Amino acid sequence: MANLTITVDDAVLKRARIRAIERGESVNQYLAQRLLEYADADAEIARRQEAALRFVALSRELSGSSDGRGWTREELYGERGLTR
């Protein structure tokens, strides 16, 4: 595992250490996790886009009734008494 040296204001580091203690973690753990998220951001965006595309494809595949025709407004809202 590599070491990383950063420069930060003393007051900021002090507040960060206090917050880390309150949360039961270390500043090092917190920064390592944020750095991992930063490094993996493009992969996460790609995963979310792929999931959205799969959702859209599935919703198109399953739209309409089981006999292949689309739903009418009356069929969708009629059971709830919401027709006009």
PDB file of N, CA and C in Angstrom:
ATOM      1  N   MET A   1       0.844  -1.168   0.000  1.00  0.00           N
ATOM      2  CA  MET A   1       0.000   0.000   0.000  1.00  0.00           C
ATOM      3  C   MET A   1       0.894   1.236   0.000  1.00  0.00           C
ATOM      4  N   ALA A   2       0.496   2.240  -0.779  1.00  0.00           N
ATOM      5  CA  ALA A   2       1.293   3.457  -0.910  1.00  0.00           C
ATOM      6  C   ALA A   2       0.916   4.477   0.152  1.00  0.00           C
ATOM      7  N   ASN A   3       1.860   5.338   0.473  1.00  0.00           N
ATOM      8  CA  ASN A   3       1.616   6.462   1.378  1.00  0.00           C
ATOM      9  C   ASN A   3       1.437   7.717   0.550  1.00  0.00           C
ATOM     10  N   LEU A   4       0.596   8.630   1.034  1.00  0.00           N
ATOM     11  CA  LEU A   4       0.326   9.886   0.356  1.00  0.00           C
ATOM     12  C   LEU A   4       0.517  11.017   1.355  1.00  0.00           C
ATOM     13  N   THR A   5       1.227  12.035   0.951  1.00  0.00           N
ATOM     14  CA  THR A   5       1.428  13.197   1.804  1.00  0.00           C
ATOM     15  C   THR A   5       0.651  14.356   1.211  1.00  0.00           C
ATOM     16  N   ILE A   6      -0.165  15.005   2.049  1.00  0.00           N
ATOM     17  CA  ILE A   6      -0.909  16.181   1.594  1.00  0.00           C
ATOM     18  C   ILE A   6      -0.631  17.339   2.549  1.00  0.00           C
ATOM     19  N   THR A   7      -0.870  18.535   2.073  1.00  0.00           N
ATOM     20  CA  THR A   7      -0.722  19.726   2.899  1.00  0.00           C
ATOM     21  C   THR A   7      -2.105  20.276   3.181  1.00  0.00           C
ATOM     22  N   VAL A   8      -2.379  20.498   4.475  1.00  0.00           N
ATOM     23  CA  VAL A   8      -3.692  20.994   4.876  1.00  0.00           C
ATOM     24  C   VAL A   8      -3.506  21.946   6.054  1.00  0.00           C
ATOM     25  N   ASP A   9      -4.386  22.909   6.158  1.00  0.00           N
ATOM     26  CA  ASP A   9      -4.342  23.872   7.251  1.00  0.00           C
ATOM     27  C   ASP A   9      -4.469  23.142   8.592  1.00  0.00           C
ATOM     28  N   ASP A  10      -3.688  23.571   9.575  1.00  0.00           N
ATOM     29  CA  ASP A  10      -3.699  22.924  10.898  1.00  0.00           C
ATOM     30  C   ASP A  10      -5.087  22.903  11.527  1.00  0.00           C
ATOM     31  N   ALA A  11      -5.812  24.010  11.431  1.00  0.00           N
ATOM     32  CA  ALA A  11      -7.146  24.083  12.032  1.00  0.00           C
ATOM     33  C   ALA A  11      -8.118  23.116  11.350  1.00  0.00           C
ATOM     34  N   VAL A  12      -7.985  22.996  10.050  1.00  0.00           N
ATOM     35  CA  VAL A  12      -8.848  22.070   9.304  1.00  0.00           C
ATOM     36  C   VAL A  12      -8.566  20.638   9.733  1.00  0.00           C
ATOM     37  N   LEU A  13      -7.297  20.282   9.835  1.00  0.00           N
ATOM     38  CA  LEU A  13      -6.934  18.934  10.251  1.00  0.00           C
ATOM     39  C   LEU A  13      -7.431  18.644  11.663  1.00  0.00           C
ATOM     40  N   LYS A  14      -7.323  19.620  12.549  1.00  0.00           N
ATOM     41  CA  LYS A  14      -7.801  19.431  13.925  1.00  0.00           C
ATOM     42  C   LYS A  14      -9.302  19.145  13.934  1.00  0.00           C
ATOM     43  N   ARG A  15     -10.091  19.936  13.179  1.00  0.00           N
ATOM     44  CA  ARG A  15     -11.542  19.709  13.116  1.00  0.00           C
ATOM     45  C   ARG A  15     -11.865  18.356  12.480  1.00  0.00           C
ATOM     46  N   ALA A  16     -11.083  17.977  11.481  1.00  0.00           N
ATOM     47  CA  ALA A  16     -11.300  16.680  10.828  1.00  0.00           C
ATOM     48  C   ALA A  16     -11.010  15.524  11.788  1.00  0.00           C
ATOM     49  N   ARG A  17      -9.959  15.656  12.571  1.00  0.00           N
ATOM     50  CA  ARG A  17      -9.633  14.607  13.554  1.00  0.00           C
ATOM     51  C   ARG A  17     -10.726  14.490  14.611  1.00  0.00           C
ATOM     52  N   ILE A  18     -11.246  15.610  15.077  1.00  0.00           N
ATOM     53  CA  ILE A  18     -12.329  15.589  16.066  1.00  0.00           C
ATOM     54  C   ILE A  18     -13.563  14.904  15.472  1.00  0.00           C
ATOM     55  N   ARG A  19     -13.914  15.264  14.257  1.00  0.00           N
ATOM     56  CA  ARG A  19     -15.078  14.636  13.610  1.00  0.00           C
ATOM     57  C   ARG A  19     -14.853  13.144  13.397  1.00  0.00           C
ATOM     58  N   ALA A  20     -13.670  12.765  12.994  1.00  0.00           N
ATOM     59  CA  ALA A  20     -13.365  11.347  12.782  1.00  0.00           C
ATOM     60  C   ALA A  20     -13.502  10.568  14.088  1.00  0.00           C
ATOM     61  N   ILE A  21     -13.020  11.127  15.182  1.00  0.00           N
ATOM     62  CA  ILE A  21     -13.150  10.470  16.489  1.00  0.00           C
ATOM     63  C   ILE A  21     -14.623  10.302  16.838  1.00  0.00           C
ATOM     64  N   GLU A  22     -15.422  11.345  16.598  1.00  0.00           N
ATOM     65  CA  GLU A  22     -16.858  11.280  16.889  1.00  0.00           C
ATOM     66  C   GLU A  22     -17.552  10.191  16.067  1.00  0.00           C
ATOM     67  N   ARG A  23     -17.051   9.962  14.883  1.00  0.00           N
ATOM     68  CA  ARG A  23     -17.656   8.972  13.995  1.00  0.00           C
ATOM     69  C   ARG A  23     -17.008   7.592  14.137  1.00  0.00           C
ATOM     70  N   GLY A  24     -16.008   7.479  14.969  1.00  0.00           N
ATOM     71  CA  GLY A  24     -15.350   6.191  15.174  1.00  0.00           C
ATOM     72  C   GLY A  24     -14.500   5.742  14.004  1.00  0.00           C
ATOM     73  N   GLU A  25     -13.903   6.691  13.333  1.00  0.00           N
ATOM     74  CA  GLU A  25     -13.018   6.373  12.207  1.00  0.00           C
ATOM     75  C   GLU A  25     -11.786   7.253  12.292  1.00  0.00           C
ATOM     76  N   SER A  26     -10.881   7.069  11.359  1.00  0.00           N
ATOM     77  CA  SER A  26      -9.703   7.926  11.308  1.00  0.00           C
ATOM     78  C   SER A  26      -9.778   8.814  10.078  1.00  0.00           C
ATOM     79  N   VAL A  27      -9.057   9.911  10.129  1.00  0.00           N
ATOM     80  CA  VAL A  27      -8.982  10.787   8.964  1.00  0.00           C
ATOM     81  C   VAL A  27      -8.389  10.008   7.794  1.00  0.00           C
ATOM     82  N   ASN A  28      -7.425   9.176   8.078  1.00  0.00           N
ATOM     83  CA  ASN A  28      -6.801   8.364   7.038  1.00  0.00           C
ATOM     84  C   ASN A  28      -7.830   7.447   6.368  1.00  0.00           C
ATOM     85  N   GLN A  29      -8.661   6.756   7.175  1.00  0.00           N
ATOM     86  CA  GLN A  29      -9.694   5.882   6.609  1.00  0.00           C
ATOM     87  C   GLN A  29     -10.655   6.675   5.733  1.00  0.00           C
ATOM     88  N   TYR A  30     -11.073   7.821   6.241  1.00  0.00           N
ATOM     89  CA  TYR A  30     -12.014   8.658   5.502  1.00  0.00           C
ATOM     90  C   TYR A  30     -11.424   9.092   4.161  1.00  0.00           C
ATOM     91  N   LEU A  31     -10.217   9.607   4.186  1.00  0.00           N
ATOM     92  CA  LEU A  31      -9.585  10.081   2.953  1.00  0.00           C
ATOM     93  C   LEU A  31      -9.330   8.940   1.972  1.00  0.00           C
ATOM     94  N   ALA A  32      -8.924   7.782   2.483  1.00  0.00           N
ATOM     95  CA  ALA A  32      -8.703   6.625   1.613  1.00  0.00           C
ATOM     96  C   ALA A  32      -9.998   6.231   0.913  1.00  0.00           C
ATOM     97  N   GLN A  33     -11.128   6.241   1.644  1.00  0.00           N
ATOM     98  CA  GLN A  33     -12.421   5.890   1.047  1.00  0.00           C
ATOM     99  C   GLN A  33     -12.834   6.913   0.001  1.00  0.00           C
ATOM    100  N   ARG A  34     -12.678   8.213   0.303  1.00  0.00           N
ATOM    101  CA  ARG A  34     -13.042   9.247  -0.670  1.00  0.00           C
ATOM    102  C   ARG A  34     -12.152   9.151  -1.913  1.00  0.00           C
ATOM    103  N   LEU A  35     -10.879   8.847  -1.734  1.00  0.00           N
ATOM    104  CA  LEU A  35      -9.972   8.714  -2.866  1.00  0.00           C
ATOM    105  C   LEU A  35     -10.369   7.525  -3.738  1.00  0.00           C
ATOM    106  N   LEU A  36     -10.774   6.440  -3.118  1.00  0.00           N
ATOM    107  CA  LEU A  36     -11.255   5.268  -3.865  1.00  0.00           C
ATOM    108  C   LEU A  36     -12.503   5.638  -4.671  1.00  0.00           C
ATOM    109  N   GLU A  37     -13.445   6.329  -4.058  1.00  0.00           N
ATOM    110  CA  GLU A  37     -14.656   6.753  -4.761  1.00  0.00           C
ATOM    111  C   GLU A  37     -14.318   7.684  -5.919  1.00  0.00           C
ATOM    112  N   TYR A  38     -13.381   8.572  -5.694  1.00  0.00           N
ATOM    113  CA  TYR A  38     -12.949   9.496  -6.736  1.00  0.00           C
ATOM    114  C   TYR A  38     -12.327   8.732  -7.913  1.00  0.00           C
ATOM    115  N   ALA A  39     -11.489   7.767  -7.599  1.00  0.00           N
ATOM    116  CA  ALA A  39     -10.817   6.998  -8.642  1.00  0.00           C
ATOM    117  C   ALA A  39     -11.803   6.133  -9.426  1.00  0.00           C
ATOM    118  N   ASP A  40     -12.859   5.649  -8.768  1.00  0.00           N
ATOM    119  CA  ASP A  40     -13.828   4.755  -9.409  1.00  0.00           C
ATOM    120  C   ASP A  40     -15.040   5.481  -9.961  1.00  0.00           C
ATOM    121  N   ALA A  41     -15.043   6.809  -9.961  1.00  0.00           N
ATOM    122  CA  ALA A  41     -16.229   7.587 -10.355  1.00  0.00           C
ATOM    123  C   ALA A  41     -16.682   7.261 -11.774  1.00  0.00           C
ATOM    124  N   ASP A  42     -15.766   7.165 -12.720  1.00  0.00           N
ATOM    125  CA  ASP A  42     -16.153   6.882 -14.104  1.00  0.00           C
ATOM    126  C   ASP A  42     -16.797   5.505 -14.222  1.00  0.00           C
ATOM    127  N   ALA A  43     -16.269   4.532 -13.500  1.00  0.00           N
ATOM    128  CA  ALA A  43     -16.841   3.188 -13.539  1.00  0.00           C
ATOM    129  C   ALA A  43     -18.241   3.188 -12.936  1.00  0.00           C
ATOM    130  N   GLU A  44     -18.444   3.954 -11.873  1.00  0.00           N
ATOM    131  CA  GLU A  44     -19.767   4.037 -11.238  1.00  0.00           C
ATOM    132  C   GLU A  44     -20.767   4.696 -12.174  1.00  0.00           C
ATOM    133  N   ILE A  45     -20.356   5.736 -12.862  1.00  0.00           N
ATOM    134  CA  ILE A  45     -21.238   6.401 -13.825  1.00  0.00           C
ATOM    135  C   ILE A  45     -21.621   5.425 -14.927  1.00  0.00           C
ATOM    136  N   ALA A  46     -20.656   4.672 -15.427  1.00  0.00           N
ATOM    137  CA  ALA A  46     -20.937   3.689 -16.472  1.00  0.00           C
ATOM    138  C   ALA A  46     -21.903   2.613 -15.970  1.00  0.00           C
ATOM    139  N   ARG A  47     -21.734   2.150 -14.721  1.00  0.00           N
ATOM    140  CA  ARG A  47     -22.647   1.143 -14.159  1.00  0.00           C
ATOM    141  C   ARG A  47     -24.063   1.687 -14.055  1.00  0.00           C
ATOM    142  N   ARG A  48     -24.195   2.934 -13.624  1.00  0.00           N
ATOM    143  CA  ARG A  48     -25.525   3.538 -13.500  1.00  0.00           C
ATOM    144  C   ARG A  48     -26.180   3.736 -14.858  1.00  0.00           C
ATOM    145  N   GLN A  49     -25.394   4.159 -15.846  1.00  0.00           N
ATOM    146  CA  GLN A  49     -25.944   4.334 -17.189  1.00  0.00           C
ATOM    147  C   GLN A  49     -26.402   2.998 -17.761  1.00  0.00           C
ATOM    148  N   GLU A  50     -25.618   1.954 -17.550  1.00  0.00           N
ATOM    149  CA  GLU A  50     -25.988   0.626 -18.027  1.00  0.00           C
ATOM    150  C   GLU A  50     -27.258   0.145 -17.338  1.00  0.00           C
ATOM    151  N   ALA A  51     -27.378   0.366 -16.050  1.00  0.00           N
ATOM    152  CA  ALA A  51     -28.586  -0.024 -15.320  1.00  0.00           C
ATOM    153  C   ALA A  51     -29.802   0.732 -15.850  1.00  0.00           C
ATOM    154  N   ALA A  52     -29.638   2.013 -16.142  1.00  0.00           N
ATOM    155  CA  ALA A  52     -30.747   2.805 -16.678  1.00  0.00           C
ATOM    156  C   ALA A  52     -31.165   2.281 -18.048  1.00  0.00           C
ATOM    157  N   LEU A  53     -30.204   1.942 -18.880  1.00  0.00           N
ATOM    158  CA  LEU A  53     -30.520   1.395 -20.200  1.00  0.00           C
ATOM    159  C   LEU A  53     -31.245   0.049 -20.092  1.00  0.00           C
ATOM    160  N   ARG A  54     -30.801  -0.798 -19.149  1.00  0.00           N
ATOM    161  CA  ARG A  54     -31.489  -2.079 -18.946  1.00  0.00           C
ATOM    162  C   ARG A  54     -32.914  -1.857 -18.468  1.00  0.00           C
ATOM    163  N   PHE A  55     -33.111  -0.877 -17.585  1.00  0.00           N
ATOM    164  CA  PHE A  55     -34.450  -0.566 -17.085  1.00  0.00           C
ATOM    165  C   PHE A  55     -35.359  -0.109 -18.216  1.00  0.00           C
ATOM    166  N   VAL A  56     -34.870   0.789 -19.057  1.00  0.00           N
ATOM    167  CA  VAL A  56     -35.673   1.288 -20.177  1.00  0.00           C
ATOM    168  C   VAL A  56     -36.021   0.148 -21.129  1.00  0.00           C
ATOM    169  N   ALA A  57     -35.051  -0.699 -21.442  1.00  0.00           N
ATOM    170  CA  ALA A  57     -35.312  -1.828 -22.338  1.00  0.00           C
ATOM    171  C   ALA A  57     -36.352  -2.771 -21.740  1.00  0.00           C
ATOM    172  N   LEU A  58     -36.230  -3.055 -20.457  1.00  0.00           N
ATOM    173  CA  LEU A  58     -37.183  -3.940 -19.794  1.00  0.00           C
ATOM    174  C   LEU A  58     -38.569  -3.317 -19.752  1.00  0.00           C
ATOM    175  N   SER A  59     -38.653  -2.024 -19.479  1.00  0.00           N
ATOM    176  CA  SER A  59     -39.960  -1.374 -19.421  1.00  0.00           C
ATOM    177  C   SER A  59     -40.628  -1.369 -20.793  1.00  0.00           C
ATOM    178  N   ARG A  60     -39.847  -1.223 -21.843  1.00  0.00           N
ATOM    179  CA  ARG A  60     -40.413  -1.295 -23.200  1.00  0.00           C
ATOM    180  C   ARG A  60     -40.877  -2.709 -23.508  1.00  0.00           C
ATOM    181  N   GLU A  61     -40.097  -3.671 -23.080  1.00  0.00           N
ATOM    182  CA  GLU A  61     -40.436  -5.077 -23.323  1.00  0.00           C
ATOM    183  C   GLU A  61     -41.728  -5.465 -22.600  1.00  0.00           C
ATOM    184  N   LEU A  62     -41.922  -4.938 -21.404  1.00  0.00           N
ATOM    185  CA  LEU A  62     -43.062  -5.329 -20.584  1.00  0.00           C
ATOM    186  C   LEU A  62     -44.254  -4.384 -20.686  1.00  0.00           C
ATOM    187  N   SER A  63     -44.156  -3.321 -21.479  1.00  0.00           N
ATOM    188  CA  SER A  63     -45.269  -2.377 -21.557  1.00  0.00           C
ATOM    189  C   SER A  63     -46.454  -3.006 -22.258  1.00  0.00           C
ATOM    190  N   GLY A  64     -47.638  -2.563 -21.890  1.00  0.00           N
ATOM    191  CA  GLY A  64     -48.857  -3.098 -22.485  1.00  0.00           C
ATOM    192  C   GLY A  64     -49.332  -4.325 -21.750  1.00  0.00           C
ATOM    193  N   SER A  65     -50.380  -4.913 -22.236  1.00  0.00           N
ATOM    194  CA  SER A  65     -50.944  -6.099 -21.591  1.00  0.00           C
ATOM    195  C   SER A  65     -50.271  -7.355 -22.119  1.00  0.00           C
ATOM    196  N   SER A  66     -50.657  -8.483 -21.562  1.00  0.00           N
ATOM    197  CA  SER A  66     -50.005  -9.742 -21.921  1.00  0.00           C
ATOM    198  C   SER A  66     -50.307 -10.179 -23.350  1.00  0.00           C
ATOM    199  N   ASP A  67     -51.366  -9.647 -23.970  1.00  0.00           N
ATOM    200  CA  ASP A  67     -51.677 -10.037 -25.346  1.00  0.00           C
ATOM    201  C   ASP A  67     -50.988  -9.143 -26.374  1.00  0.00           C
ATOM    202  N   GLY A  68     -50.097  -8.263 -25.910  1.00  0.00           N
ATOM    203  CA  GLY A  68     -49.294  -7.457 -26.825  1.00  0.00           C
ATOM    204  C   GLY A  68     -49.874  -6.095 -27.140  1.00  0.00           C
ATOM    205  N   ARG A  69     -51.089  -5.815 -26.727  1.00  0.00           N
ATOM    206  CA  ARG A  69     -51.661  -4.505 -27.001  1.00  0.00           C
ATOM    207  C   ARG A  69     -51.362  -3.562 -25.836  1.00  0.00           C
ATOM    208  N   GLY A  70     -51.437  -2.279 -26.087  1.00  0.00           N
ATOM    209  CA  GLY A  70     -51.197  -1.301 -25.033  1.00  0.00           C
ATOM    210  C   GLY A  70     -52.409  -1.130 -24.140  1.00  0.00           C
ATOM    211  N   TRP A  71     -52.188  -0.533 -22.991  1.00  0.00           N
ATOM    212  CA  TRP A  71     -53.272  -0.255 -22.057  1.00  0.00           C
ATOM    213  C   TRP A  71     -53.997   1.016 -22.477  1.00  0.00           C
ATOM    214  N   THR A  72     -55.294   1.063 -22.251  1.00  0.00           N
ATOM    215  CA  THR A  72     -56.038   2.297 -22.477  1.00  0.00           C
ATOM    216  C   THR A  72     -56.070   3.084 -21.172  1.00  0.00           C
ATOM    217  N   ARG A  73     -56.382   4.361 -21.258  1.00  0.00           N
ATOM    218  CA  ARG A  73     -56.474   5.188 -20.062  1.00  0.00           C
ATOM    219  C   ARG A  73     -57.541   4.641 -19.117  1.00  0.00           C
ATOM    220  N   GLU A  74     -58.655   4.201 -19.678  1.00  0.00           N
ATOM    221  CA  GLU A  74     -59.737   3.662 -18.860  1.00  0.00           C
ATOM    222  C   GLU A  74     -59.293   2.405 -18.118  1.00  0.00           C
ATOM    223  N   GLU A  75     -58.515   1.550 -18.794  1.00  0.00           N
ATOM    224  CA  GLU A  75     -58.031   0.326 -18.139  1.00  0.00           C
ATOM    225  C   GLU A  75     -57.072   0.658 -16.992  1.00  0.00           C
ATOM    226  N   LEU A  76     -56.260   1.670 -17.197  1.00  0.00           N
ATOM    227  CA  LEU A  76     -55.280   2.026 -16.172  1.00  0.00           C
ATOM    228  C   LEU A  76     -55.912   2.668 -14.956  1.00  0.00           C
ATOM    229  N   TYR A  77     -56.883   3.544 -15.177  1.00  0.00           N
ATOM    230  CA  TYR A  77     -57.421   4.334 -14.076  1.00  0.00           C
ATOM    231  C   TYR A  77     -58.846   3.955 -13.680  1.00  0.00           C
ATOM    232  N   GLY A  78     -59.514   3.169 -14.485  1.00  0.00           N
ATOM    233  CA  GLY A  78     -60.912   2.841 -14.242  1.00  0.00           C
ATOM    234  C   GLY A  78     -61.157   2.110 -12.932  1.00  0.00           C
ATOM    235  N   GLU A  79     -60.275   1.170 -12.572  1.00  0.00           N
ATOM    236  CA  GLU A  79     -60.466   0.405 -11.342  1.00  0.00           C
ATOM    237  C   GLU A  79     -60.379   1.292 -10.114  1.00  0.00           C
ATOM    238  N   ARG A  80     -59.711   2.390 -10.189  1.00  0.00           N
ATOM    239  CA  ARG A  80     -59.527   3.284  -9.051  1.00  0.00           C
ATOM    240  C   ARG A  80     -60.578   4.395  -9.027  1.00  0.00           C
ATOM    241  N   GLY A  81     -61.466   4.386 -10.010  1.00  0.00           N
ATOM    242  CA  GLY A  81     -62.482   5.438 -10.078  1.00  0.00           C
ATOM    243  C   GLY A  81     -61.899   6.784 -10.441  1.00  0.00           C
ATOM    244  N   LEU A  82     -60.803   6.781 -11.189  1.00  0.00           N
ATOM    245  CA  LEU A  82     -60.121   8.031 -11.515  1.00  0.00           C
ATOM    246  C   LEU A  82     -60.406   8.516 -12.931  1.00  0.00           C
ATOM    247  N   THR A  83     -61.317   7.845 -13.637  1.00  0.00           N
ATOM    248  CA  THR A  83     -61.632   8.296 -15.006  1.00  0.00           C
ATOM    249  C   THR A  83     -62.428   9.577 -14.954  1.00  0.00           C
ATOM    250  N   ARG A  84     -62.351  10.324 -16.010  1.00  0.00           N
ATOM    251  CA  ARG A  84     -63.067  11.619 -16.046  1.00  0.00           C
ATOM    252  C   ARG A  84     -64.434  11.455 -16.618  1.00  0.00           C
TER     253      ARG A  84
END
